[in-house]
Amino acid sequence: MPAPVATSNSLGPALIAAPTAQTRSRRALWAALGLVALVIIIGGAWFDLQRSGRHRHADAVAVRQSPSAATEKAIAVLPFADMSEKKNQEYFADGMAEEILGLLAKILTTS
């Protein structure tokens, strides 16, 4: 008949060591280092996405990748047609086009 194998219950409280303060502090240190590493990895991935622009809409990426759009900002406002019956409102249509162009220029210079 084989000899009985000792189990944790049969060893007694003297042989089963509870985690010491040093073991707990090492675990806490490793957990803190793991958390710091995770924050650095997530922050680096977020920074890379922001810098590369991969998070933006596909149209914005296509505009960003075109060589002329990267070097120069431009916008065109086509003139409005005077569609009044008397054709005497051309100054109003020109003023509207100039006003829209001015407002768009402000928006483009601030962004």
C-alpha atoms as a PDB file:
ATOM      1  CA  MET A   1       0.000   0.000   0.000  1.00  0.00           C
ATOM      2  CA  PRO A   2       1.397   3.449  -0.974  1.00  0.00           C
ATOM      3  CA  ALA A   3       2.266   6.030   1.673  1.00  0.00           C
ATOM      4  CA  PRO A   4      -0.262   8.797   2.206  1.00  0.00           C
ATOM      5  CA  VAL A   5       0.500  12.084   0.474  1.00  0.00           C
ATOM      6  CA  ALA A   6       0.566  15.195   2.615  1.00  0.00           C
ATOM      7  CA  THR A   7      -2.046  17.809   1.727  1.00  0.00           C
ATOM      8  CA  SER A   8      -2.154  21.426   2.739  1.00  0.00           C
ATOM      9  CA  ASN A   9      -4.663  20.617   5.454  1.00  0.00           C
ATOM     10  CA  SER A  10      -2.424  17.977   6.974  1.00  0.00           C
ATOM     11  CA  LEU A  11       0.707  20.169   7.083  1.00  0.00           C
ATOM     12  CA  GLY A  12      -0.518  22.331   9.882  1.00  0.00           C
ATOM     13  CA  PRO A  13      -0.601  26.085  10.306  1.00  0.00           C
ATOM     14  CA  ALA A  14       3.120  26.325  11.032  1.00  0.00           C
ATOM     15  CA  LEU A  15       4.137  25.149   7.548  1.00  0.00           C
ATOM     16  CA  ILE A  16       1.622  27.238   5.580  1.00  0.00           C
ATOM     17  CA  ALA A  17       3.040  30.755   5.376  1.00  0.00           C
ATOM     18  CA  ALA A  18       0.730  33.702   4.950  1.00  0.00           C
ATOM     19  CA  PRO A  19       1.883  36.330   2.443  1.00  0.00           C
ATOM     20  CA  THR A  20       4.328  38.624   4.138  1.00  0.00           C
ATOM     21  CA  ALA A  21       4.298  42.401   3.966  1.00  0.00           C
ATOM     22  CA  GLN A  22       7.241  42.241   1.552  1.00  0.00           C
ATOM     23  CA  THR A  23       5.323  39.934  -0.806  1.00  0.00           C
ATOM     24  CA  ARG A  24       2.302  42.231  -0.694  1.00  0.00           C
ATOM     25  CA  SER A  25       4.418  45.298  -1.393  1.00  0.00           C
ATOM     26  CA  ARG A  26       6.051  43.559  -4.376  1.00  0.00           C
ATOM     27  CA  ARG A  27       2.633  42.673  -5.764  1.00  0.00           C
ATOM     28  CA  ALA A  28       1.473  46.262  -5.318  1.00  0.00           C
ATOM     29  CA  LEU A  29       4.632  47.525  -7.011  1.00  0.00           C
ATOM     30  CA  TRP A  30       4.163  45.218 -10.006  1.00  0.00           C
ATOM     31  CA  ALA A  31       0.494  46.151 -10.248  1.00  0.00           C
ATOM     32  CA  ALA A  32       1.400  49.858 -10.205  1.00  0.00           C
ATOM     33  CA  LEU A  33       4.116  49.360 -12.837  1.00  0.00           C
ATOM     34  CA  GLY A  34       1.671  47.429 -15.014  1.00  0.00           C
ATOM     35  CA  LEU A  35      -0.899  50.195 -14.691  1.00  0.00           C
ATOM     36  CA  VAL A  36       1.680  52.861 -15.592  1.00  0.00           C
ATOM     37  CA  ALA A  37       2.781  50.823 -18.624  1.00  0.00           C
ATOM     38  CA  LEU A  38      -0.849  50.439 -19.731  1.00  0.00           C
ATOM     39  CA  VAL A  39      -1.443  54.193 -19.442  1.00  0.00           C
ATOM     40  CA  ILE A  40       1.719  54.904 -21.460  1.00  0.00           C
ATOM     41  CA  ILE A  41       0.681  52.460 -24.193  1.00  0.00           C
ATOM     42  CA  ILE A  42      -2.852  53.870 -24.443  1.00  0.00           C
ATOM     43  CA  GLY A  43      -1.563  57.451 -24.391  1.00  0.00           C
ATOM     44  CA  GLY A  44       0.979  56.682 -27.107  1.00  0.00           C
ATOM     45  CA  ALA A  45      -1.655  55.073 -29.308  1.00  0.00           C
ATOM     46  CA  TRP A  46      -3.982  58.061 -28.828  1.00  0.00           C
ATOM     47  CA  PHE A  47      -1.171  60.509 -29.646  1.00  0.00           C
ATOM     48  CA  ASP A  48      -0.273  58.539 -32.771  1.00  0.00           C
ATOM     49  CA  LEU A  49      -3.890  58.558 -33.944  1.00  0.00           C
ATOM     50  CA  GLN A  50      -4.167  62.299 -33.357  1.00  0.00           C
ATOM     51  CA  ARG A  51      -0.908  63.038 -35.148  1.00  0.00           C
ATOM     52  CA  SER A  52      -1.503  60.799 -38.132  1.00  0.00           C
ATOM     53  CA  GLY A  53      -5.165  61.737 -38.625  1.00  0.00           C
ATOM     54  CA  ARG A  54      -6.344  58.130 -39.065  1.00  0.00           C
ATOM     55  CA  HIS A  55      -9.310  58.825 -36.793  1.00  0.00           C
ATOM     56  CA  ARG A  56     -10.768  61.422 -39.137  1.00  0.00           C
ATOM     57  CA  HIS A  57     -13.336  60.952 -41.864  1.00  0.00           C
ATOM     58  CA  ALA A  58     -12.116  59.451 -45.159  1.00  0.00           C
ATOM     59  CA  ASP A  59     -12.850  62.670 -47.096  1.00  0.00           C
ATOM     60  CA  ALA A  60     -10.697  64.676 -44.727  1.00  0.00           C
ATOM     61  CA  VAL A  61      -7.874  62.178 -45.149  1.00  0.00           C
ATOM     62  CA  ALA A  62      -8.142  62.397 -48.943  1.00  0.00           C
ATOM     63  CA  VAL A  63      -7.926  66.196 -48.790  1.00  0.00           C
ATOM     64  CA  ARG A  64      -5.016  66.010 -46.360  1.00  0.00           C
ATOM     65  CA  GLN A  65      -3.084  63.670 -48.644  1.00  0.00           C
ATOM     66  CA  SER A  66      -3.378  65.782 -51.792  1.00  0.00           C
ATOM     67  CA  PRO A  67      -0.178  67.807 -52.302  1.00  0.00           C
ATOM     68  CA  SER A  68      -1.842  71.109 -53.194  1.00  0.00           C
ATOM     69  CA  ALA A  69      -4.145  71.026 -50.175  1.00  0.00           C
ATOM     70  CA  ALA A  70      -1.245  70.458 -47.800  1.00  0.00           C
ATOM     71  CA  THR A  71       0.673  73.526 -49.006  1.00  0.00           C
ATOM     72  CA  GLU A  72      -2.058  76.074 -49.670  1.00  0.00           C
ATOM     73  CA  LYS A  73      -5.569  76.792 -48.456  1.00  0.00           C
ATOM     74  CA  ALA A  74      -7.982  78.045 -51.090  1.00  0.00           C
ATOM     75  CA  ILE A  75     -11.701  78.545 -51.463  1.00  0.00           C
ATOM     76  CA  ALA A  76     -13.864  79.749 -54.326  1.00  0.00           C
ATOM     77  CA  VAL A  77     -17.200  81.518 -54.038  1.00  0.00           C
ATOM     78  CA  LEU A  78     -19.054  81.687 -57.312  1.00  0.00           C
ATOM     79  CA  PRO A  79     -21.018  84.846 -58.051  1.00  0.00           C
ATOM     80  CA  PHE A  80     -24.752  84.879 -57.565  1.00  0.00           C
ATOM     81  CA  ALA A  81     -26.985  85.484 -60.562  1.00  0.00           C
ATOM     82  CA  ASP A  82     -29.401  88.400 -60.546  1.00  0.00           C
ATOM     83  CA  MET A  83     -32.677  86.606 -61.124  1.00  0.00           C
ATOM     84  CA  SER A  84     -34.978  89.543 -60.382  1.00  0.00           C
ATOM     85  CA  GLU A  85     -37.476  90.580 -63.046  1.00  0.00           C
ATOM     86  CA  LYS A  86     -35.964  94.020 -63.559  1.00  0.00           C
ATOM     87  CA  LYS A  87     -32.332  92.772 -63.302  1.00  0.00           C
ATOM     88  CA  ASN A  88     -31.564  95.675 -60.949  1.00  0.00           C
ATOM     89  CA  GLN A  89     -30.298  93.632 -57.982  1.00  0.00           C
ATOM     90  CA  GLU A  90     -26.809  92.776 -59.253  1.00  0.00           C
ATOM     91  CA  TYR A  91     -25.164  94.872 -56.525  1.00  0.00           C
ATOM     92  CA  PHE A  92     -27.024  92.806 -53.899  1.00  0.00           C
ATOM     93  CA  ALA A  93     -25.809  89.511 -55.422  1.00  0.00           C
ATOM     94  CA  ASP A  94     -22.218  90.808 -55.561  1.00  0.00           C
ATOM     95  CA  GLY A  95     -22.436  91.988 -51.950  1.00  0.00           C
ATOM     96  CA  MET A  96     -23.697  88.576 -50.804  1.00  0.00           C
ATOM     97  CA  ALA A  97     -20.832  86.793 -52.563  1.00  0.00           C
ATOM     98  CA  GLU A  98     -18.269  89.157 -51.003  1.00  0.00           C
ATOM     99  CA  GLU A  99     -19.784  88.782 -47.537  1.00  0.00           C
ATOM    100  CA  ILE A 100     -19.769  84.981 -47.728  1.00  0.00           C
ATOM    101  CA  LEU A 101     -16.192  85.015 -48.977  1.00  0.00           C
ATOM    102  CA  GLY A 102     -15.150  87.274 -46.106  1.00  0.00           C
ATOM    103  CA  LEU A 103     -16.818  85.067 -43.481  1.00  0.00           C
ATOM    104  CA  LEU A 104     -15.278  81.916 -44.934  1.00  0.00           C
ATOM    105  CA  ALA A 105     -11.854  83.553 -44.975  1.00  0.00           C
ATOM    106  CA  LYS A 106     -12.234  84.328 -41.254  1.00  0.00           C
ATOM    107  CA  ILE A 107     -13.159  80.722 -40.519  1.00  0.00           C
ATOM    108  CA  LEU A 108     -10.246  79.330 -42.519  1.00  0.00           C
ATOM    109  CA  THR A 109      -7.665  81.621 -40.883  1.00  0.00           C
ATOM    110  CA  THR A 110      -8.801  80.758 -37.348  1.00  0.00           C
ATOM    111  CA  SER A 111      -8.776  76.984 -37.850  1.00  0.00           C
END
